[in-house]
């Protein structure tokens, strides 16, 4: 079996980034973060584990806004995918048909079990 030119150049991004950041002592440690900031450690480990902002927490070029960027990344990622609701199309109270349907369903359940 021979490797093609494309397969030789392929590498896992996370392994590559961890290797590079270990050379400059900027590799994030979830265990250290667990004692410093448990919410940030939980977010990095479970919520957004592959965020590039985590490599800006330590090292010679650390960024003060990295912690806030990690904690708000989910909001910034999902906000563009949400559907916009126009001010005129929002109905604050439920439709009367929903109330009628609820009472009909309740009556069917009560009379159905007698």
N, C-alpha and C. Protein backbone atom coordinates (compact mmCIF):
# COMPACT_ATOMS: atom_id res chain seq x y z
N UNK A 1 0.83 -1.17 0.00
CA UNK A 1 0.00 0.00 0.00
C UNK A 1 0.88 1.25 0.00
N UNK A 2 0.62 2.11 -0.91
CA UNK A 2 1.40 3.34 -0.96
C UNK A 2 0.51 4.52 -0.60
N UNK A 3 1.11 5.53 -0.04
CA UNK A 3 0.38 6.73 0.32
C UNK A 3 0.46 7.75 -0.81
N UNK A 4 -0.65 8.36 -1.09
CA UNK A 4 -0.64 9.40 -2.11
C UNK A 4 -0.12 10.70 -1.50
N UNK A 5 0.12 11.67 -2.34
CA UNK A 5 0.64 12.95 -1.90
C UNK A 5 -0.34 13.64 -0.95
N UNK A 6 -1.64 13.52 -1.20
CA UNK A 6 -2.64 14.15 -0.36
C UNK A 6 -2.69 13.53 1.03
N UNK A 7 -2.53 12.23 1.12
CA UNK A 7 -2.61 11.55 2.40
C UNK A 7 -1.41 11.86 3.29
N UNK A 8 -0.28 12.14 2.71
CA UNK A 8 0.90 12.47 3.51
C UNK A 8 0.73 13.82 4.18
N UNK A 9 0.06 14.75 3.51
CA UNK A 9 -0.11 16.10 4.05
C UNK A 9 -1.26 16.22 5.05
N UNK A 10 -2.10 15.21 5.16
CA UNK A 10 -3.23 15.28 6.07
C UNK A 10 -2.75 15.07 7.51
N UNK A 11 -3.29 15.89 8.40
CA UNK A 11 -2.99 15.75 9.82
C UNK A 11 -4.21 16.20 10.61
N UNK A 12 -4.32 15.69 11.82
CA UNK A 12 -5.43 16.06 12.68
C UNK A 12 -5.15 17.46 13.25
N UNK A 13 -6.10 18.34 13.11
CA UNK A 13 -5.92 19.74 13.51
C UNK A 13 -5.67 19.87 15.00
N UNK A 14 -6.44 19.16 15.83
CA UNK A 14 -6.29 19.29 17.27
C UNK A 14 -4.94 18.78 17.76
N UNK A 15 -4.49 17.66 17.21
CA UNK A 15 -3.19 17.12 17.59
C UNK A 15 -2.09 18.08 17.17
N UNK A 16 -2.22 18.64 16.00
CA UNK A 16 -1.23 19.60 15.49
C UNK A 16 -1.17 20.85 16.36
N UNK A 17 -2.34 21.40 16.72
CA UNK A 17 -2.37 22.61 17.54
C UNK A 17 -1.83 22.33 18.94
N UNK A 18 -2.15 21.17 19.51
CA UNK A 18 -1.62 20.81 20.83
C UNK A 18 -0.11 20.68 20.79
N UNK A 19 0.42 20.10 19.74
CA UNK A 19 1.86 19.93 19.60
C UNK A 19 2.55 21.30 19.48
N UNK A 20 2.00 22.17 18.64
CA UNK A 20 2.60 23.50 18.48
C UNK A 20 2.57 24.32 19.77
N UNK A 21 1.43 24.30 20.45
CA UNK A 21 1.31 25.11 21.65
C UNK A 21 2.11 24.54 22.82
N UNK A 22 2.41 23.25 22.80
CA UNK A 22 3.25 22.69 23.85
C UNK A 22 4.69 23.19 23.73
N UNK A 23 5.13 23.57 22.53
CA UNK A 23 6.47 24.10 22.34
C UNK A 23 6.64 25.49 22.95
N UNK A 24 5.58 26.29 22.94
CA UNK A 24 5.66 27.66 23.47
C UNK A 24 4.96 27.80 24.82
N UNK A 25 4.67 26.70 25.45
CA UNK A 25 4.02 26.65 26.77
C UNK A 25 2.71 27.43 26.77
N UNK A 26 1.87 27.16 25.79
CA UNK A 26 0.56 27.80 25.70
C UNK A 26 -0.55 26.76 25.62
N UNK A 27 -0.22 25.49 25.82
CA UNK A 27 -1.22 24.43 25.74
C UNK A 27 -2.15 24.53 26.95
N UNK A 28 -3.47 24.56 26.73
CA UNK A 28 -4.40 24.70 27.85
C UNK A 28 -4.46 23.42 28.68
N UNK A 29 -4.63 23.60 29.97
CA UNK A 29 -4.78 22.48 30.89
C UNK A 29 -6.14 22.59 31.56
N UNK A 30 -6.99 21.62 31.31
CA UNK A 30 -8.34 21.65 31.86
C UNK A 30 -8.28 21.44 33.37
N UNK A 31 -7.30 20.68 33.86
CA UNK A 31 -7.17 20.45 35.29
C UNK A 31 -6.83 21.74 36.04
N UNK A 32 -5.92 22.53 35.49
CA UNK A 32 -5.59 23.83 36.11
C UNK A 32 -6.79 24.76 36.02
N UNK A 33 -7.48 24.73 34.90
CA UNK A 33 -8.66 25.58 34.75
C UNK A 33 -9.77 25.18 35.71
N UNK A 34 -9.85 23.91 36.05
CA UNK A 34 -10.88 23.42 36.96
C UNK A 34 -10.75 24.09 38.33
N UNK A 35 -9.52 24.34 38.75
CA UNK A 35 -9.31 25.00 40.04
C UNK A 35 -9.40 26.52 39.93
N UNK A 36 -8.96 27.09 38.82
CA UNK A 36 -9.02 28.55 38.64
C UNK A 36 -10.42 29.04 38.33
N UNK A 37 -11.02 28.47 37.30
CA UNK A 37 -12.33 28.92 36.83
C UNK A 37 -13.13 27.70 36.38
N UNK A 38 -13.93 27.10 37.28
CA UNK A 38 -14.65 25.87 36.95
C UNK A 38 -15.64 26.03 35.79
N UNK A 39 -16.27 27.20 35.68
CA UNK A 39 -17.22 27.41 34.59
C UNK A 39 -16.51 27.39 33.25
N UNK A 40 -15.36 28.01 33.17
CA UNK A 40 -14.59 28.01 31.93
C UNK A 40 -14.09 26.61 31.60
N UNK A 41 -13.64 25.86 32.60
CA UNK A 41 -13.18 24.49 32.37
C UNK A 41 -14.32 23.62 31.86
N UNK A 42 -15.50 23.76 32.44
CA UNK A 42 -16.66 23.00 31.99
C UNK A 42 -17.02 23.36 30.55
N UNK A 43 -16.96 24.64 30.22
CA UNK A 43 -17.28 25.09 28.87
C UNK A 43 -16.29 24.54 27.86
N UNK A 44 -15.01 24.58 28.19
CA UNK A 44 -13.99 24.07 27.26
C UNK A 44 -14.10 22.56 27.10
N UNK A 45 -14.36 21.85 28.18
CA UNK A 45 -14.36 20.39 28.12
C UNK A 45 -15.64 19.82 27.51
N UNK A 46 -16.80 20.41 27.82
CA UNK A 46 -18.06 19.82 27.37
C UNK A 46 -18.78 20.63 26.29
N UNK A 47 -18.78 21.95 26.40
CA UNK A 47 -19.62 22.77 25.53
C UNK A 47 -18.96 23.06 24.18
N UNK A 48 -17.82 23.68 24.17
CA UNK A 48 -17.10 24.01 22.94
C UNK A 48 -15.66 23.51 23.04
N UNK A 49 -15.44 22.21 22.90
CA UNK A 49 -14.09 21.67 23.16
C UNK A 49 -13.06 22.00 22.10
N UNK A 50 -13.45 22.36 20.92
CA UNK A 50 -12.48 22.58 19.83
C UNK A 50 -12.35 24.04 19.47
N UNK A 51 -12.47 24.92 20.42
CA UNK A 51 -12.37 26.34 20.14
C UNK A 51 -10.91 26.79 20.07
N UNK A 52 -10.55 27.60 19.09
CA UNK A 52 -9.18 28.08 19.02
C UNK A 52 -8.84 29.12 20.08
N UNK A 53 -9.86 29.70 20.73
CA UNK A 53 -9.61 30.70 21.76
C UNK A 53 -8.90 30.11 22.98
N UNK A 54 -9.02 28.81 23.19
CA UNK A 54 -8.40 28.21 24.37
C UNK A 54 -6.88 28.25 24.31
N UNK A 55 -6.33 28.41 23.13
CA UNK A 55 -4.88 28.51 23.01
C UNK A 55 -4.36 29.91 23.32
N UNK A 56 -5.27 30.85 23.57
CA UNK A 56 -4.89 32.22 23.91
C UNK A 56 -4.97 32.47 25.42
N UNK A 57 -5.28 31.44 26.22
CA UNK A 57 -5.42 31.63 27.66
C UNK A 57 -4.07 31.74 28.36
N UNK A 58 -3.04 31.00 27.91
CA UNK A 58 -1.71 31.00 28.52
C UNK A 58 -0.68 31.32 27.47
N UNK A 59 0.53 31.47 27.93
CA UNK A 59 1.65 31.62 27.01
C UNK A 59 2.12 33.05 26.87
N UNK A 60 3.10 33.24 26.01
CA UNK A 60 3.70 34.57 25.86
C UNK A 60 2.77 35.58 25.19
N UNK A 61 1.81 35.13 24.43
CA UNK A 61 0.90 36.06 23.75
C UNK A 61 -0.53 35.85 24.24
N UNK A 62 -0.71 35.74 25.58
CA UNK A 62 -2.06 35.50 26.09
C UNK A 62 -2.93 36.73 25.87
N UNK A 63 -4.22 36.48 25.73
CA UNK A 63 -5.18 37.52 25.41
C UNK A 63 -6.17 37.63 26.57
N UNK A 64 -6.40 38.81 27.08
CA UNK A 64 -7.28 39.00 28.23
C UNK A 64 -8.74 38.69 27.89
N UNK A 65 -9.15 38.82 26.65
CA UNK A 65 -10.54 38.57 26.27
C UNK A 65 -10.84 37.14 25.86
N UNK A 66 -9.85 36.25 26.00
CA UNK A 66 -10.06 34.86 25.58
C UNK A 66 -11.11 34.15 26.41
N UNK A 67 -11.11 34.41 27.71
CA UNK A 67 -12.08 33.75 28.59
C UNK A 67 -13.51 34.15 28.21
N UNK A 68 -13.73 35.43 28.01
CA UNK A 68 -15.07 35.89 27.63
C UNK A 68 -15.45 35.38 26.23
N UNK A 69 -14.48 35.30 25.33
CA UNK A 69 -14.76 34.81 23.99
C UNK A 69 -15.17 33.34 24.01
N UNK A 70 -14.56 32.56 24.90
CA UNK A 70 -14.92 31.14 25.01
C UNK A 70 -16.31 31.00 25.59
N UNK A 71 -16.61 31.77 26.63
CA UNK A 71 -17.91 31.65 27.29
C UNK A 71 -19.07 32.14 26.42
N UNK A 72 -18.80 33.03 25.48
CA UNK A 72 -19.88 33.55 24.62
C UNK A 72 -19.83 33.00 23.20
N UNK A 73 -18.99 32.01 22.96
CA UNK A 73 -18.86 31.49 21.60
C UNK A 73 -20.13 30.82 21.10
N UNK A 74 -20.81 30.09 21.97
CA UNK A 74 -22.05 29.41 21.57
C UNK A 74 -23.09 30.44 21.12
N UNK A 75 -23.21 31.55 21.84
CA UNK A 75 -24.18 32.59 21.46
C UNK A 75 -23.82 33.22 20.12
N UNK A 76 -22.54 33.49 19.92
CA UNK A 76 -22.11 34.10 18.66
C UNK A 76 -22.21 33.15 17.49
N UNK A 77 -22.17 31.85 17.75
CA UNK A 77 -22.28 30.87 16.69
C UNK A 77 -23.74 30.64 16.31
N UNK A 78 -24.62 30.59 17.29
CA UNK A 78 -26.02 30.28 17.02
C UNK A 78 -26.86 31.49 16.63
N UNK A 79 -26.42 32.69 17.00
CA UNK A 79 -27.23 33.89 16.71
C UNK A 79 -27.52 34.06 15.22
N UNK A 80 -26.57 33.88 14.31
CA UNK A 80 -26.90 34.07 12.89
C UNK A 80 -27.86 33.02 12.34
N UNK A 81 -28.01 31.89 13.02
CA UNK A 81 -28.89 30.84 12.49
C UNK A 81 -30.32 30.97 12.98
N UNK A 82 -30.58 31.88 13.90
CA UNK A 82 -31.94 32.03 14.43
C UNK A 82 -32.81 32.80 13.45
N UNK A 83 -34.08 32.48 13.46
CA UNK A 83 -35.05 33.16 12.59
C UNK A 83 -35.44 34.47 13.24
N UNK A 84 -35.47 35.51 12.43
CA UNK A 84 -35.86 36.82 12.94
C UNK A 84 -37.37 36.90 13.08
N UNK A 85 -37.82 37.50 14.15
CA UNK A 85 -39.25 37.72 14.38
C UNK A 85 -39.49 39.21 14.26
N UNK A 86 -40.35 39.58 13.35
CA UNK A 86 -40.67 40.99 13.15
C UNK A 86 -41.62 41.46 14.24
N UNK A 87 -41.57 42.72 14.57
CA UNK A 87 -42.36 43.26 15.67
C UNK A 87 -43.86 43.11 15.42
N UNK A 88 -44.32 43.21 14.19
CA UNK A 88 -45.75 43.11 13.90
C UNK A 88 -46.27 41.69 13.87
N UNK A 89 -45.41 40.68 13.76
CA UNK A 89 -45.88 39.32 13.62
C UNK A 89 -45.90 38.55 14.93
N UNK A 90 -45.43 39.14 16.02
CA UNK A 90 -45.40 38.44 17.30
C UNK A 90 -46.74 38.58 17.99
N UNK A 91 -47.33 37.47 18.41
CA UNK A 91 -48.61 37.47 19.10
C UNK A 91 -48.34 37.11 20.56
N UNK A 92 -48.54 38.06 21.50
CA UNK A 92 -48.21 37.78 22.89
C UNK A 92 -49.16 36.81 23.58
N UNK A 93 -50.44 36.75 23.15
CA UNK A 93 -51.38 35.84 23.80
C UNK A 93 -51.70 34.69 22.85
N UNK A 94 -52.02 33.52 23.39
CA UNK A 94 -52.32 32.38 22.53
C UNK A 94 -53.61 32.57 21.75
N UNK A 95 -53.71 31.90 20.65
CA UNK A 95 -54.89 31.98 19.80
C UNK A 95 -56.09 31.36 20.51
N UNK A 96 -57.30 31.88 20.29
CA UNK A 96 -58.49 31.28 20.90
C UNK A 96 -58.72 29.84 20.44
N UNK A 97 -58.26 29.53 19.23
CA UNK A 97 -58.43 28.15 18.75
C UNK A 97 -57.63 27.16 19.58
N UNK A 98 -56.48 27.58 20.11
CA UNK A 98 -55.69 26.69 20.96
C UNK A 98 -56.44 26.40 22.25
N UNK A 99 -57.08 27.41 22.82
CA UNK A 99 -57.87 27.21 24.03
C UNK A 99 -59.05 26.28 23.79
N UNK A 100 -59.75 26.45 22.66
CA UNK A 100 -60.88 25.58 22.33
C UNK A 100 -60.40 24.15 22.12
N UNK A 101 -59.28 23.98 21.42
CA UNK A 101 -58.74 22.65 21.18
C UNK A 101 -58.33 21.98 22.49
N UNK A 102 -57.77 22.76 23.42
CA UNK A 102 -57.38 22.20 24.71
C UNK A 102 -58.60 21.71 25.48
N UNK A 103 -59.67 22.50 25.51
CA UNK A 103 -60.87 22.08 26.24
C UNK A 103 -61.55 20.89 25.57
N UNK A 104 -61.55 20.82 24.25
CA UNK A 104 -62.11 19.65 23.57
C UNK A 104 -61.30 18.39 23.88
N UNK A 105 -59.99 18.52 23.92
CA UNK A 105 -59.14 17.38 24.24
C UNK A 105 -59.35 16.95 25.68
N UNK A 106 -59.49 17.90 26.59
CA UNK A 106 -59.74 17.58 27.98
C UNK A 106 -61.09 16.90 28.15
N UNK A 107 -62.10 17.39 27.45
CA UNK A 107 -63.43 16.77 27.53
C UNK A 107 -63.40 15.36 26.95
N UNK A 108 -62.66 15.15 25.87
CA UNK A 108 -62.57 13.81 25.29
C UNK A 108 -61.88 12.85 26.24
N UNK A 109 -60.87 13.32 26.94
CA UNK A 109 -60.20 12.45 27.90
C UNK A 109 -61.10 12.12 29.09
N UNK A 110 -61.84 13.12 29.58
CA UNK A 110 -62.72 12.87 30.73
C UNK A 110 -63.84 11.92 30.36
N UNK A 111 -64.53 12.18 29.23
CA UNK A 111 -65.65 11.31 28.84
C UNK A 111 -65.20 9.98 28.27
N UNK A 112 -63.98 9.90 27.81
CA UNK A 112 -63.46 8.64 27.27
C UNK A 112 -63.13 7.63 28.34
N UNK A 113 -62.79 8.06 29.54
CA UNK A 113 -62.43 7.16 30.63
C UNK A 113 -63.60 6.85 31.55
N UNK A 114 -64.82 7.30 31.24
CA UNK A 114 -65.97 7.00 32.09
C UNK A 114 -66.68 5.76 31.66
